[in-house]
Amino acid sequence: MTDQEPAGLADLRLAGGAQGFNWLPVFVADEQGLFAKHGVRIVYKRMGSVEKATTAVLEGEADLAITPPEGAVADFVRGGELRIVAANAVRLPMSIVARPGIGSLAELRGKKVGTSSLTEGTAIYTQIMLAAAGLHYPGDYEFALAGIHTKRWEALQAGEIDCAPQPAPWNFLAQDRGYNLLGEVSATIPEIVFTAVIGKASWLGANRDLVTRFLKALIEAHAVTNDAANHGIILPIFQRITTPDSESLARRGLEYMRGMGMWPDGLAVPDKALRTTIDLMVRANLLDTSKRDAAEGVFDRRYLEDAV
């Protein structure tokens, strides 16, 4: 324990689907003692899917979640308690990966696309990308619930799906194995709230100090993660949570994500990124157009303002 660490640590139950690549700053904060410095101990709850992570917060099984924000937006406009309190990632570091023999997005007509959810994250991004290529859902292709990115990679190799959005470094791994990268998601959707810190309003209000301390630690961790001078600290952690058997792939993936500005300084939720998230929900028929403006109220700025 350092001189800065308090004697007692408050447990915070933190849920996520895979707790993978986008959680890098969380693991940095934990392993570099930043959470302990601010009096927080993380209890990890890996839920297996983004929807289950959202539900865990809603039902009180978890205190906070780092997960795509669409579930929180949908709950908020229904009058629910879910709120966004900070951003975890504001870029989409992934490619559309297709099996050998499929060379363009247009060739996905009639094909099966792997996704982790039908209402959050990957399904929305894929619909937007394929719409730009003239393919629309439903009708022109079908979705298959194939799970998180590691499970989608297994499904691709097994021939159970024809393509899937895959994050770095799994997109590069697939490319090295002869699979085709049909397009970069970030080229179509440059800025978005990819993953956010979400919580339940009643719990947030009752635990404001704990939330603030958690966010302070995570802000520091984002700064450490984004500083290339800390590569020696960051790369081993990133490799462990992505491609343990390949430092070169991990390095390639980390540099790709850091270079695009994936982890926002100060956990900032840019207005443009939040509007993009909401607009894409409308375009994917997951949010009524009349709710577009009201949906922006899902971001409760008070907690981040306390932390910064």
Protein backbone atom coordinates (compact mmCIF):
# COMPACT_ATOMS: atom_id res chain seq x y z
CA MET A 1 0.00 0.00 0.00
CA THR A 2 1.34 3.44 -0.95
CA ASP A 3 1.10 6.54 1.23
CA GLN A 4 -1.75 7.67 -1.00
CA GLU A 5 -3.86 4.55 -0.53
CA PRO A 6 -6.63 4.63 2.05
CA ALA A 7 -6.79 1.85 4.62
CA GLY A 8 -10.21 0.65 3.51
CA LEU A 9 -11.35 -0.04 -0.03
CA ALA A 10 -14.97 0.13 -1.15
CA ASP A 11 -16.11 -2.70 -3.43
CA LEU A 12 -17.60 -1.72 -6.78
CA ARG A 13 -19.24 -4.43 -8.86
CA LEU A 14 -18.33 -3.72 -12.49
CA ALA A 15 -20.07 -5.67 -15.25
CA GLY A 16 -19.17 -6.19 -18.89
CA GLY A 17 -19.79 -8.61 -21.71
CA ALA A 18 -16.33 -9.89 -22.59
CA GLN A 19 -14.18 -7.48 -20.53
CA GLY A 20 -11.70 -7.54 -23.39
CA PHE A 21 -9.76 -5.04 -25.47
CA ASN A 22 -11.77 -1.90 -24.63
CA TRP A 23 -11.32 -2.64 -20.92
CA LEU A 24 -7.57 -2.06 -21.19
CA PRO A 25 -7.64 1.16 -19.09
CA VAL A 26 -9.61 -0.67 -16.38
CA PHE A 27 -6.93 -3.33 -16.05
CA VAL A 28 -4.24 -0.64 -16.17
CA ALA A 29 -5.97 1.18 -13.30
CA ASP A 30 -6.19 -2.02 -11.30
CA GLU A 31 -2.64 -3.23 -11.89
CA GLN A 32 -1.05 0.19 -11.46
CA GLY A 33 -2.82 0.75 -8.15
CA LEU A 34 -4.98 3.64 -9.35
CA PHE A 35 -8.26 2.22 -8.08
CA ALA A 36 -6.69 1.46 -4.70
CA LYS A 37 -5.25 4.99 -4.60
CA HIS A 38 -8.81 6.31 -4.79
CA GLY A 39 -10.22 3.82 -2.30
CA VAL A 40 -11.94 1.48 -4.77
CA ARG A 41 -11.72 -2.28 -5.21
CA ILE A 42 -13.22 -3.67 -8.44
CA VAL A 43 -15.33 -6.81 -8.31
CA TYR A 44 -15.37 -8.04 -11.90
CA LYS A 45 -18.58 -9.49 -13.28
CA ARG A 46 -18.12 -10.95 -16.74
CA MET A 47 -21.61 -11.47 -18.11
CA GLY A 48 -20.88 -13.03 -21.51
CA SER A 49 -22.95 -10.59 -23.54
CA VAL A 50 -23.47 -6.83 -23.69
CA GLU A 51 -27.19 -7.16 -23.11
CA LYS A 52 -26.61 -9.19 -19.94
CA ALA A 53 -24.21 -6.51 -18.69
CA THR A 54 -26.87 -3.86 -19.16
CA THR A 55 -29.46 -6.05 -17.45
CA ALA A 56 -27.10 -6.71 -14.52
CA VAL A 57 -27.06 -2.98 -13.72
CA LEU A 58 -30.79 -2.62 -14.22
CA GLU A 59 -31.53 -5.51 -11.88
CA GLY A 60 -28.97 -4.57 -9.23
CA GLU A 61 -26.60 -7.47 -9.84
CA ALA A 62 -23.88 -4.96 -10.74
CA ASP A 63 -23.25 -1.37 -9.67
CA LEU A 64 -21.88 -0.11 -12.98
CA ALA A 65 -21.19 -1.58 -16.41
CA ILE A 66 -18.82 -0.77 -19.23
CA THR A 67 -20.82 -1.74 -22.27
CA PRO A 68 -22.39 -0.34 -25.46
CA PRO A 69 -24.85 2.39 -24.45
CA GLU A 70 -27.83 1.51 -26.64
CA GLY A 71 -29.55 -0.47 -23.89
CA ALA A 72 -29.24 2.46 -21.50
CA VAL A 73 -30.60 4.86 -24.13
CA ALA A 74 -33.59 2.60 -24.81
CA ASP A 75 -34.29 2.24 -21.09
CA PHE A 76 -34.00 5.99 -20.50
CA VAL A 77 -36.51 6.97 -23.18
CA ARG A 78 -38.95 4.46 -21.68
CA GLY A 79 -38.68 6.35 -18.41
CA GLY A 80 -36.19 3.95 -16.84
CA GLU A 81 -33.30 4.56 -14.48
CA LEU A 82 -30.27 3.77 -16.62
CA ARG A 83 -27.84 6.59 -17.27
CA ILE A 84 -24.53 7.12 -19.03
CA VAL A 85 -21.96 8.72 -16.72
CA ALA A 86 -18.80 8.58 -18.86
CA ALA A 87 -17.35 7.23 -22.09
CA ASN A 88 -14.99 4.27 -22.22
CA ALA A 89 -14.36 4.23 -25.99
CA VAL A 90 -15.41 6.63 -28.76
CA ARG A 91 -14.03 4.89 -31.85
CA LEU A 92 -14.89 1.59 -33.54
CA PRO A 93 -11.61 -0.33 -33.95
CA MET A 94 -12.98 -3.10 -36.14
CA SER A 95 -13.26 -4.43 -39.65
CA ILE A 96 -15.90 -6.47 -41.44
CA VAL A 97 -14.17 -9.85 -41.77
CA ALA A 98 -15.46 -12.34 -44.34
CA ARG A 99 -14.55 -15.90 -45.16
CA PRO A 100 -12.32 -16.53 -48.17
CA GLY A 101 -14.28 -16.21 -51.41
CA ILE A 102 -16.26 -13.14 -50.35
CA GLY A 103 -14.48 -10.09 -51.67
CA SER A 104 -16.84 -7.16 -51.11
CA LEU A 105 -19.71 -5.99 -48.93
CA ALA A 106 -22.09 -6.36 -51.88
CA GLU A 107 -21.30 -10.08 -51.96
CA LEU A 108 -22.85 -10.50 -48.52
CA ARG A 109 -26.32 -10.58 -50.05
CA GLY A 110 -28.06 -13.71 -48.79
CA LYS A 111 -25.27 -14.41 -46.32
CA LYS A 112 -25.20 -14.93 -42.55
CA VAL A 113 -23.60 -12.19 -40.44
CA GLY A 114 -22.37 -12.94 -36.93
CA THR A 115 -23.15 -10.49 -34.14
CA SER A 116 -23.20 -10.36 -30.35
CA SER A 117 -26.63 -8.74 -30.12
CA LEU A 118 -29.59 -7.78 -32.28
CA THR A 119 -30.21 -4.52 -30.42
CA GLU A 120 -26.81 -3.19 -29.33
CA GLY A 121 -23.36 -2.57 -30.74
CA THR A 122 -22.20 -4.77 -33.60
CA ALA A 123 -25.59 -5.34 -35.21
CA ILE A 124 -26.20 -1.60 -35.54
CA TYR A 125 -22.76 -0.85 -36.99
CA THR A 126 -23.06 -3.69 -39.47
CA GLN A 127 -26.48 -2.55 -40.67
CA ILE A 128 -25.14 0.94 -41.37
CA MET A 129 -22.10 -0.36 -43.25
CA LEU A 130 -24.09 -2.79 -45.36
CA ALA A 131 -26.77 -0.18 -46.09
CA ALA A 132 -24.02 1.96 -47.64
CA ALA A 133 -23.31 -1.01 -49.93
CA GLY A 134 -27.00 -1.32 -50.89
CA LEU A 135 -27.88 -4.20 -48.55
CA HIS A 136 -30.69 -3.79 -46.05
CA TYR A 137 -31.90 -5.71 -43.03
CA PRO A 138 -34.09 -7.62 -42.89
CA GLY A 139 -34.29 -9.10 -46.35
CA ASP A 140 -30.85 -8.95 -47.93
CA TYR A 141 -28.96 -10.89 -45.24
CA GLU A 142 -29.54 -12.49 -41.87
CA PHE A 143 -27.99 -12.04 -38.45
CA ALA A 144 -26.79 -14.94 -36.32
CA LEU A 145 -26.21 -14.47 -32.62
CA ALA A 146 -22.66 -15.76 -32.56
CA GLY A 147 -21.47 -14.17 -29.30
CA ILE A 148 -18.59 -11.88 -28.44
CA HIS A 149 -15.65 -11.33 -30.80
CA THR A 150 -13.72 -14.46 -29.77
CA LYS A 151 -16.81 -16.59 -30.32
CA ARG A 152 -17.45 -14.91 -33.68
CA TRP A 153 -13.93 -15.81 -34.76
CA GLU A 154 -14.59 -19.45 -33.83
CA ALA A 155 -17.89 -19.35 -35.75
CA LEU A 156 -16.15 -17.90 -38.82
CA GLN A 157 -13.54 -20.65 -38.78
CA ALA A 158 -16.22 -23.31 -38.34
CA GLY A 159 -18.19 -21.98 -41.33
CA GLU A 160 -21.23 -21.23 -39.17
CA ILE A 161 -21.30 -17.59 -40.34
CA ASP A 162 -20.05 -15.86 -43.48
CA CYS A 163 -18.76 -12.66 -41.94
CA ALA A 164 -18.63 -10.65 -38.73
CA PRO A 165 -17.40 -7.31 -37.44
CA GLN A 166 -14.14 -8.10 -35.68
CA PRO A 167 -12.05 -5.76 -33.54
CA ALA A 168 -8.29 -5.44 -33.62
CA PRO A 169 -6.20 -7.49 -33.34
CA TRP A 170 -8.57 -10.31 -34.34
CA ASN A 171 -9.20 -8.59 -37.67
CA PHE A 172 -5.46 -8.71 -38.38
CA LEU A 173 -5.29 -12.31 -37.16
CA ALA A 174 -8.07 -13.24 -39.58
CA GLN A 175 -6.34 -11.41 -42.42
CA ASP A 176 -3.13 -13.33 -41.73
CA ARG A 177 -5.17 -16.58 -41.94
CA GLY A 178 -6.55 -15.74 -45.39
CA TYR A 179 -9.84 -14.10 -44.45
CA ASN A 180 -10.86 -10.88 -46.19
CA LEU A 181 -11.25 -7.44 -44.59
CA LEU A 182 -14.16 -5.86 -46.48
CA GLY A 183 -14.06 -2.45 -44.82
CA GLU A 184 -13.20 -0.45 -41.74
CA VAL A 185 -16.19 0.39 -39.56
CA SER A 186 -14.53 3.66 -38.50
CA ALA A 187 -14.50 4.84 -42.12
CA THR A 188 -18.31 4.76 -42.12
CA ILE A 189 -18.82 5.77 -38.49
CA PRO A 190 -15.88 7.99 -37.45
CA GLU A 191 -17.00 8.93 -33.92
CA ILE A 192 -19.50 7.25 -31.63
CA VAL A 193 -20.00 6.24 -28.02
CA PHE A 194 -18.78 2.69 -28.64
CA THR A 195 -18.80 1.74 -24.97
CA ALA A 196 -19.83 3.76 -21.93
CA VAL A 197 -19.92 3.59 -18.16
CA ILE A 198 -23.57 3.12 -17.29
CA GLY A 199 -25.35 3.05 -13.96
CA LYS A 200 -28.78 3.16 -12.37
CA ALA A 201 -29.90 6.61 -11.27
CA SER A 202 -30.98 5.58 -7.78
CA TRP A 203 -27.71 3.75 -7.09
CA LEU A 204 -25.64 6.56 -8.60
CA GLY A 205 -27.31 9.14 -6.43
CA ALA A 206 -26.79 7.10 -3.28
CA ASN A 207 -23.13 6.40 -4.10
CA ARG A 208 -21.96 9.65 -5.64
CA ASP A 209 -18.63 9.74 -3.84
CA LEU A 210 -17.76 6.16 -4.85
CA VAL A 211 -18.69 6.87 -8.47
CA THR A 212 -16.52 10.00 -8.45
CA ARG A 213 -13.53 8.11 -7.05
CA PHE A 214 -13.97 5.35 -9.61
CA LEU A 215 -14.08 7.87 -12.45
CA LYS A 216 -11.03 9.73 -11.13
CA ALA A 217 -9.03 6.50 -11.21
CA LEU A 218 -10.24 5.65 -14.69
CA ILE A 219 -9.40 9.13 -15.98
CA GLU A 220 -5.84 8.64 -14.76
CA ALA A 221 -5.73 5.21 -16.39
CA HIS A 222 -6.86 6.61 -19.74
CA ALA A 223 -4.00 9.10 -19.58
CA VAL A 224 -1.50 6.31 -18.86
CA THR A 225 -2.93 4.14 -21.65
CA ASN A 226 -2.84 6.93 -24.23
CA ASP A 227 0.78 7.87 -23.53
CA ALA A 228 3.03 5.96 -25.95
CA ALA A 229 5.87 6.37 -23.45
CA ASN A 230 4.08 3.76 -21.28
CA HIS A 231 4.13 1.11 -24.02
CA GLY A 232 6.23 -1.21 -21.86
CA ILE A 233 3.53 -1.21 -19.19
CA ILE A 234 0.51 -1.28 -21.49
CA LEU A 235 1.48 -3.80 -24.19
CA PRO A 236 1.85 -6.84 -21.88
CA ILE A 237 -1.61 -6.19 -20.43
CA PHE A 238 -3.14 -5.71 -23.88
CA GLN A 239 -1.46 -8.87 -25.15
CA ARG A 240 -2.77 -10.88 -22.20
CA ILE A 241 -6.39 -9.85 -22.87
CA THR A 242 -6.24 -10.15 -26.67
CA THR A 243 -3.67 -12.42 -28.33
CA PRO A 244 -1.51 -14.01 -25.60
CA ASP A 245 0.47 -16.06 -28.13
CA SER A 246 1.43 -13.15 -30.37
CA GLU A 247 3.15 -10.00 -29.19
CA SER A 248 3.32 -8.71 -32.78
CA LEU A 249 -0.44 -8.95 -33.26
CA ALA A 250 -1.06 -7.33 -29.87
CA ARG A 251 1.35 -4.50 -30.72
CA ARG A 252 -0.38 -3.98 -34.06
CA GLY A 253 -3.80 -3.88 -32.42
CA LEU A 254 -2.74 -1.55 -29.62
CA GLU A 255 -1.09 0.93 -31.97
CA TYR A 256 -4.17 0.83 -34.23
CA MET A 257 -6.53 1.63 -31.33
CA ARG A 258 -4.34 4.23 -29.70
CA GLY A 259 -3.69 5.88 -33.07
CA MET A 260 -7.40 6.35 -33.77
CA GLY A 261 -8.04 7.92 -30.36
CA MET A 262 -10.22 5.14 -29.04
CA TRP A 263 -9.92 5.89 -25.31
CA PRO A 264 -11.08 9.49 -24.72
CA ASP A 265 -9.10 11.82 -22.49
CA GLY A 266 -11.03 12.57 -19.34
CA LEU A 267 -13.66 9.92 -20.24
CA ALA A 268 -15.32 12.68 -22.25
CA VAL A 269 -18.65 11.99 -23.96
CA PRO A 270 -18.51 14.22 -27.07
CA ASP A 271 -21.90 15.61 -28.09
CA LYS A 272 -21.30 14.47 -31.68
CA ALA A 273 -20.47 10.93 -30.57
CA LEU A 274 -23.61 10.67 -28.43
CA ARG A 275 -25.77 12.04 -31.24
CA THR A 276 -24.27 9.47 -33.61
CA THR A 277 -25.17 6.66 -31.23
CA ILE A 278 -28.75 7.93 -31.01
CA ASP A 279 -29.03 8.55 -34.77
CA LEU A 280 -27.85 5.03 -35.56
CA MET A 281 -30.43 3.60 -33.17
CA VAL A 282 -33.11 5.54 -35.07
CA ARG A 283 -31.78 4.30 -38.42
CA ALA A 284 -31.75 0.73 -37.13
CA ASN A 285 -35.39 1.09 -35.98
CA LEU A 286 -34.39 0.68 -32.34
CA LEU A 287 -35.53 4.17 -31.35
CA ASP A 288 -38.48 6.23 -32.51
CA THR A 289 -37.54 9.42 -34.32
CA SER A 290 -39.70 11.44 -31.94
CA LYS A 291 -37.43 10.36 -29.06
CA ARG A 292 -34.19 11.51 -30.71
CA ASP A 293 -33.75 14.80 -28.81
CA ALA A 294 -35.00 13.46 -25.49
CA ALA A 295 -32.56 10.56 -25.68
CA GLU A 296 -29.59 12.87 -25.19
CA GLY A 297 -30.71 13.28 -21.58
CA VAL A 298 -29.39 9.77 -20.87
CA PHE A 299 -25.98 11.33 -20.21
CA ASP A 300 -25.87 12.58 -16.61
CA ARG A 301 -22.89 14.94 -16.65
CA ARG A 302 -22.74 15.56 -12.91
CA TYR A 303 -20.56 12.58 -12.04
CA LEU A 304 -17.91 13.29 -14.64
CA GLU A 305 -17.93 16.96 -13.67
CA ASP A 306 -17.29 15.88 -10.07
CA ALA A 307 -14.38 13.71 -11.17
CA VAL A 308 -12.62 16.23 -13.39
